[in-house]
Amino acid sequence: MNNLKPINQIKIKKDQTVDSLIKELGSCGFNAGKLSRAVDIYEDMIKDKDCKIFFGLAGALVPAGMKNIIIDLIENNFIDIFVTTGANLTHDLIEALGNKHYQGTEKADDVKLNKKGINRIYNVFMKNDVYKSLEDFFNKNFDNLKDTKNIREFLFELGKLTPKDSILNTCYRKNIPIFCPAISDSGIGLMVWNNLVKNKQIQTNAFDDLKEILDLAWTCKKAGVVYIGGGTPKNYIQQAMQFTKGAYYGIQITLDREETGGSSGAKLKESISWGKLNEKAKFTNVTCDATIALPLVLASLKSRF
């Protein structure tokens, strides 16, 4: 036991900063210590000029209020390659067009909500008629998107057309590539399909995107991976890492379990067996709701740069 660090019994100070608290958590047990280590690893990624940060964002975190967290991460150059779900991008565009998500309750009567035209995302409500503004936007702008050759280019052009207070437009302005391999599984996907059935044409070659992210992973000197949740965004990055020396840095924040054998809950250590994570990598898994952990990570990082 002589070589082990004692657990720090933290004491909160008046006017304590988020970063100082995160640093104190570094000598705590359980996921408090892991969260602190996650911020330290993220800091190392950012400081390593040879490292490209591949950021995977699962789920639908924009409805929960995480849009500006992602925008800040991009604006502060804490993300180099962004992989996400169609849901996050759809809700980002919905907000950019002036619509809102509302605090609700998971205990609501869903039959009544449906009759009122209200959609529920756990304890967040959204009016179903937001899709009218989404449909109008795509009907108006679809011709400006038709010359793209893949999903990544489509999202780049979409970002150009999207109002500034959005993830899409921020990625466009910062020239951050967005990959969304399952975009058809989203409101944006439905809007594209709605125009395709009107005999309009668009090219969204998913395999062209795959080649591009494989090239990005292959050509960077070092890769760092950040997974917020799991799902398609995580696995899309993971499979790109398989053809490299493996990521040198890794952070995963999720509540998913590993016992089911799915990628979402798989611990980062498992990636070493696949060659997706370098055997000498710095990495940690944080078991926590991302809507709690991610704002703390960003607040701490912004104090360090």
Protein backbone atom coordinates (compact mmCIF):
# COMPACT_ATOMS: atom_id res chain seq x y z
CA MET A 1 0.00 0.00 0.00
CA ASN A 2 3.00 2.30 0.40
CA ASN A 3 3.10 2.96 -3.35
CA LEU A 4 -0.59 3.86 -3.59
CA LYS A 5 -1.94 7.40 -3.44
CA PRO A 6 -4.41 8.07 -0.63
CA ILE A 7 -7.97 9.05 -1.51
CA ASN A 8 -8.54 12.78 -1.16
CA GLN A 9 -11.58 13.70 0.92
CA ILE A 10 -12.53 16.77 -1.08
CA LYS A 11 -13.85 19.94 0.49
CA ILE A 12 -15.68 22.45 -1.66
CA LYS A 13 -14.42 26.00 -1.36
CA LYS A 14 -16.47 29.15 -1.80
CA ASP A 15 -16.14 30.48 -5.36
CA GLN A 16 -14.28 27.32 -6.41
CA THR A 17 -13.72 27.06 -10.16
CA VAL A 18 -14.84 24.05 -12.17
CA ASP A 19 -11.25 23.34 -13.19
CA SER A 20 -9.94 23.35 -9.62
CA LEU A 21 -12.75 20.98 -8.61
CA ILE A 22 -11.98 18.66 -11.54
CA LYS A 23 -8.32 18.61 -10.51
CA GLU A 24 -9.27 17.76 -6.91
CA LEU A 25 -11.46 14.93 -8.16
CA GLY A 26 -8.29 13.41 -9.61
CA SER A 27 -7.42 12.01 -6.20
CA CYS A 28 -10.92 10.61 -5.62
CA GLY A 29 -12.21 7.13 -6.37
CA PHE A 30 -14.92 5.79 -8.67
CA ASN A 31 -15.94 7.92 -11.67
CA ALA A 32 -14.93 11.20 -10.04
CA GLY A 33 -11.29 10.26 -10.52
CA LYS A 34 -11.98 8.97 -14.03
CA LEU A 35 -13.65 12.24 -15.03
CA SER A 36 -10.59 14.16 -13.87
CA ARG A 37 -8.34 11.85 -15.84
CA ALA A 38 -10.54 12.33 -18.93
CA VAL A 39 -9.93 16.09 -18.82
CA ASP A 40 -6.18 15.56 -18.37
CA ILE A 41 -6.10 13.20 -21.36
CA TYR A 42 -8.12 15.66 -23.45
CA GLU A 43 -5.65 18.40 -22.50
CA ASP A 44 -2.77 16.17 -23.62
CA MET A 45 -4.52 15.56 -26.96
CA ILE A 46 -4.93 19.27 -27.58
CA LYS A 47 -1.33 20.05 -26.66
CA ASP A 48 0.02 17.28 -28.90
CA LYS A 49 0.39 19.09 -32.23
CA ASP A 50 0.76 15.76 -34.04
CA CYS A 51 -2.64 14.57 -32.79
CA LYS A 52 -5.92 14.78 -34.70
CA ILE A 53 -8.97 14.55 -32.45
CA PHE A 54 -11.77 12.32 -33.76
CA PHE A 55 -14.94 13.18 -31.82
CA GLY A 56 -17.97 10.84 -31.86
CA LEU A 57 -21.29 12.18 -30.57
CA ALA A 58 -24.13 9.69 -30.25
CA GLY A 59 -27.79 10.00 -29.38
CA ALA A 60 -29.83 13.17 -29.48
CA LEU A 61 -27.98 15.45 -27.07
CA VAL A 62 -29.01 18.72 -28.73
CA PRO A 63 -32.59 18.46 -27.39
CA ALA A 64 -31.13 18.17 -23.88
CA GLY A 65 -29.29 21.49 -24.24
CA MET A 66 -25.83 20.39 -25.36
CA LYS A 67 -25.71 22.29 -28.69
CA ASN A 68 -23.54 25.16 -27.45
CA ILE A 69 -21.22 22.73 -25.67
CA ILE A 70 -20.41 21.13 -29.02
CA ILE A 71 -20.16 24.53 -30.73
CA ASP A 72 -17.67 25.69 -28.07
CA LEU A 73 -15.58 22.53 -28.47
CA ILE A 74 -15.38 23.22 -32.21
CA GLU A 75 -14.75 26.97 -31.86
CA ASN A 76 -11.92 26.30 -29.40
CA ASN A 77 -10.26 23.82 -31.79
CA PHE A 78 -10.88 20.87 -29.47
CA ILE A 79 -12.35 18.79 -32.34
CA ASP A 80 -10.69 18.03 -35.70
CA ILE A 81 -13.05 15.40 -37.15
CA PHE A 82 -16.70 15.25 -36.07
CA VAL A 83 -18.82 12.10 -36.39
CA THR A 84 -22.40 12.21 -35.19
CA THR A 85 -25.96 11.00 -35.65
CA GLY A 86 -28.61 12.38 -37.96
CA ALA A 87 -30.67 13.09 -34.84
CA ASN A 88 -28.15 15.56 -33.43
CA LEU A 89 -27.87 17.37 -36.77
CA THR A 90 -31.64 17.39 -37.28
CA HIS A 91 -32.30 18.93 -33.87
CA ASP A 92 -29.43 21.37 -34.42
CA LEU A 93 -31.07 22.54 -37.65
CA ILE A 94 -34.49 22.65 -35.99
CA GLU A 95 -33.12 25.07 -33.37
CA ALA A 96 -31.23 27.08 -36.00
CA LEU A 97 -34.52 27.66 -37.83
CA GLY A 98 -35.97 29.29 -34.71
CA ASN A 99 -37.72 26.35 -33.08
CA LYS A 100 -37.28 25.29 -29.46
CA HIS A 101 -37.14 22.23 -27.26
CA TYR A 102 -38.94 22.44 -23.92
CA GLN A 103 -38.48 21.04 -20.42
CA GLY A 104 -41.16 18.41 -19.90
CA THR A 105 -41.51 15.23 -17.89
CA GLU A 106 -41.10 11.54 -18.62
CA LYS A 107 -44.27 10.97 -16.57
CA ALA A 108 -46.49 12.74 -19.10
CA ASP A 109 -49.43 10.97 -20.72
CA ASP A 110 -47.99 10.08 -24.13
CA VAL A 111 -51.41 9.52 -25.68
CA LYS A 112 -52.39 13.08 -24.76
CA LEU A 113 -49.07 14.41 -26.01
CA ASN A 114 -49.61 12.72 -29.34
CA LYS A 115 -53.09 14.25 -29.68
CA LYS A 116 -51.61 17.69 -28.93
CA GLY A 117 -48.85 17.25 -31.51
CA ILE A 118 -46.06 17.12 -28.95
CA ASN A 119 -43.15 14.70 -29.28
CA ARG A 120 -41.31 13.49 -26.16
CA ILE A 121 -37.58 12.80 -25.89
CA TYR A 122 -37.37 11.42 -22.32
CA ASN A 123 -38.19 14.58 -20.31
CA VAL A 124 -37.86 17.02 -23.21
CA PHE A 125 -40.82 18.10 -25.36
CA MET A 126 -40.83 19.31 -28.96
CA LYS A 127 -43.74 20.42 -31.11
CA ASN A 128 -44.28 18.11 -34.05
CA ASP A 129 -44.91 21.06 -36.37
CA VAL A 130 -41.19 21.94 -36.28
CA TYR A 131 -40.92 19.53 -39.19
CA LYS A 132 -42.91 21.97 -41.31
CA SER A 133 -40.12 24.55 -41.05
CA LEU A 134 -37.60 21.78 -41.76
CA GLU A 135 -39.54 20.75 -44.87
CA ASP A 136 -39.82 24.36 -46.06
CA PHE A 137 -36.07 24.83 -45.59
CA PHE A 138 -35.18 21.80 -47.69
CA ASN A 139 -37.75 22.57 -50.39
CA LYS A 140 -36.25 26.06 -50.70
CA ASN A 141 -32.59 25.00 -50.63
CA PHE A 142 -32.48 21.52 -52.12
CA ASP A 143 -31.18 22.69 -55.49
CA ASN A 144 -28.15 24.18 -53.69
CA LEU A 145 -27.33 20.73 -52.30
CA LYS A 146 -27.77 18.60 -55.41
CA ASP A 147 -24.18 18.83 -56.70
CA THR A 148 -22.52 17.28 -53.66
CA LYS A 149 -21.00 13.84 -54.18
CA ASN A 150 -21.14 12.38 -50.67
CA ILE A 151 -22.68 12.86 -47.22
CA ARG A 152 -19.72 14.85 -45.90
CA GLU A 153 -19.96 17.36 -48.77
CA PHE A 154 -23.75 17.48 -48.40
CA LEU A 155 -23.37 18.43 -44.72
CA PHE A 156 -20.70 21.00 -45.56
CA GLU A 157 -23.04 22.72 -48.03
CA LEU A 158 -25.93 22.36 -45.59
CA GLY A 159 -23.80 24.10 -42.97
CA LYS A 160 -23.22 26.98 -45.39
CA LEU A 161 -26.99 27.46 -45.67
CA THR A 162 -27.75 27.02 -41.97
CA PRO A 163 -27.96 30.04 -39.62
CA LYS A 164 -24.79 30.74 -37.64
CA ASP A 165 -25.93 29.63 -34.19
CA SER A 166 -25.60 25.96 -35.06
CA ILE A 167 -23.22 23.01 -35.06
CA LEU A 168 -23.64 22.66 -38.82
CA ASN A 169 -22.62 26.23 -39.58
CA THR A 170 -19.79 26.22 -37.04
CA CYS A 171 -18.27 23.14 -38.68
CA TYR A 172 -18.65 24.84 -42.07
CA ARG A 173 -16.92 28.03 -40.87
CA LYS A 174 -14.13 26.13 -39.09
CA ASN A 175 -13.75 23.67 -41.98
CA ILE A 176 -14.34 20.70 -39.68
CA PRO A 177 -15.53 17.63 -41.61
CA ILE A 178 -18.82 16.14 -40.40
CA PHE A 179 -19.40 12.45 -40.99
CA CYS A 180 -22.90 11.07 -40.45
CA PRO A 181 -22.95 7.47 -41.72
CA ALA A 182 -26.57 6.87 -40.66
CA ILE A 183 -28.03 10.15 -41.88
CA SER A 184 -30.98 8.41 -43.54
CA ASP A 185 -32.07 7.42 -40.03
CA SER A 186 -33.13 10.97 -39.12
CA GLY A 187 -35.40 13.90 -39.86
CA ILE A 188 -32.84 15.24 -42.34
CA GLY A 189 -32.89 11.85 -44.03
CA LEU A 190 -36.66 12.06 -44.37
CA MET A 191 -36.39 15.54 -45.89
CA VAL A 192 -33.91 14.28 -48.48
CA TRP A 193 -36.17 11.32 -49.28
CA ASN A 194 -39.14 13.69 -49.59
CA ASN A 195 -37.29 15.49 -52.40
CA LEU A 196 -36.09 12.29 -54.04
CA VAL A 197 -39.67 11.08 -54.49
CA LYS A 198 -40.32 14.34 -56.38
CA ASN A 199 -37.71 13.12 -58.90
CA LYS A 200 -35.04 15.50 -57.63
CA GLN A 201 -31.50 14.11 -57.62
CA ILE A 202 -28.70 14.16 -55.07
CA GLN A 203 -25.50 12.17 -54.58
CA THR A 204 -24.77 10.95 -51.04
CA ASN A 205 -22.21 8.20 -51.56
CA ALA A 206 -21.62 6.71 -48.10
CA PHE A 207 -18.62 4.69 -49.27
CA ASP A 208 -16.93 7.87 -50.48
CA ASP A 209 -17.19 9.14 -46.90
CA LEU A 210 -15.73 5.91 -45.61
CA LYS A 211 -12.68 6.31 -47.83
CA GLU A 212 -12.23 9.88 -46.62
CA ILE A 213 -12.29 9.07 -42.90
CA LEU A 214 -10.00 6.08 -43.48
CA ASP A 215 -7.57 8.42 -45.26
CA LEU A 216 -7.76 10.94 -42.41
CA ALA A 217 -6.99 8.22 -39.86
CA TRP A 218 -4.22 6.72 -41.97
CA THR A 219 -2.41 9.97 -42.76
CA CYS A 220 -2.44 11.64 -39.34
CA LYS A 221 0.71 11.15 -37.24
CA LYS A 222 -1.35 10.42 -34.13
CA ALA A 223 -5.05 10.04 -33.45
CA GLY A 224 -7.03 10.77 -30.33
CA VAL A 225 -10.61 9.56 -29.92
CA VAL A 226 -13.41 11.02 -27.81
CA TYR A 227 -16.65 9.07 -27.63
CA ILE A 228 -19.72 10.68 -26.09
CA GLY A 229 -22.07 7.73 -25.99
CA GLY A 230 -21.53 4.93 -28.46
CA GLY A 231 -23.59 3.87 -31.44
CA THR A 232 -22.68 4.42 -35.07
CA PRO A 233 -20.44 7.47 -34.43
CA LYS A 234 -18.17 5.49 -32.12
CA ASN A 235 -17.95 2.41 -34.31
CA TYR A 236 -17.37 4.50 -37.46
CA ILE A 237 -14.28 6.03 -35.87
CA GLN A 238 -13.22 2.73 -34.33
CA GLN A 239 -13.15 0.91 -37.65
CA ALA A 240 -11.05 3.72 -39.15
CA MET A 241 -8.53 3.29 -36.33
CA GLN A 242 -8.17 -0.42 -37.11
CA PHE A 243 -5.98 0.33 -40.14
CA THR A 244 -3.55 2.58 -38.25
CA LYS A 245 -1.18 2.19 -35.32
CA GLY A 246 -4.23 2.70 -33.13
CA ALA A 247 -5.31 5.83 -31.29
CA TYR A 248 -2.77 7.21 -28.83
CA TYR A 249 -5.41 8.88 -26.66
CA GLY A 250 -8.92 7.75 -25.77
CA ILE A 251 -11.88 9.05 -23.76
CA GLN A 252 -15.29 7.42 -23.50
CA ILE A 253 -18.25 8.85 -21.58
CA THR A 254 -21.27 6.57 -21.59
CA LEU A 255 -23.82 4.71 -19.48
CA ASP A 256 -23.92 1.74 -21.87
CA ARG A 257 -22.86 -1.67 -20.55
CA GLU A 258 -20.20 -3.93 -22.01
CA GLU A 259 -21.83 -7.27 -21.16
CA THR A 260 -24.11 -7.23 -24.21
CA GLY A 261 -21.12 -7.29 -26.57
CA GLY A 262 -22.10 -4.13 -28.44
CA SER A 263 -19.70 -1.40 -29.49
CA SER A 264 -21.55 1.24 -27.47
CA GLY A 265 -20.69 -0.22 -24.09
CA ALA A 266 -17.35 -1.81 -24.94
CA LYS A 267 -14.55 -0.43 -22.76
CA LEU A 268 -11.68 1.23 -24.58
CA LYS A 269 -9.28 -1.44 -23.33
CA GLU A 270 -11.08 -3.94 -25.59
CA SER A 271 -10.01 -1.81 -28.57
CA ILE A 272 -6.38 -2.81 -28.01
CA SER A 273 -7.20 -6.38 -29.03
CA TRP A 274 -8.47 -5.05 -32.37
CA GLY A 275 -5.56 -2.69 -32.92
CA LYS A 276 -7.92 0.29 -32.71
CA LEU A 277 -6.23 1.66 -29.58
CA ASN A 278 -2.46 1.69 -29.28
CA GLU A 279 -1.14 -0.54 -26.50
CA LYS A 280 0.69 2.47 -25.02
CA ALA A 281 -2.31 4.80 -25.26
CA LYS A 282 -3.54 7.06 -22.49
CA PHE A 283 -7.23 6.30 -22.04
CA THR A 284 -10.11 6.22 -19.61
CA ASN A 285 -13.79 5.24 -19.49
CA VAL A 286 -16.20 7.45 -17.57
CA THR A 287 -19.53 5.90 -16.61
CA CYS A 288 -21.72 8.98 -16.47
CA ASP A 289 -24.60 10.78 -18.16
CA ALA A 290 -22.94 12.85 -20.88
CA THR A 291 -25.21 15.82 -20.15
CA ILE A 292 -23.53 16.01 -16.73
CA ALA A 293 -19.95 15.15 -17.67
CA LEU A 294 -19.46 16.97 -20.99
CA PRO A 295 -20.19 20.53 -19.73
CA LEU A 296 -17.75 19.94 -16.86
CA VAL A 297 -15.09 18.68 -19.26
CA LEU A 298 -15.50 21.75 -21.48
CA ALA A 299 -15.51 24.21 -18.56
CA SER A 300 -12.32 22.68 -17.21
CA LEU A 301 -10.59 22.67 -20.61
CA LYS A 302 -11.49 26.31 -21.30
CA SER A 303 -9.69 27.27 -18.08
CA ARG A 304 -6.52 25.56 -19.32
CA PHE A 305 -6.29 27.15 -22.76
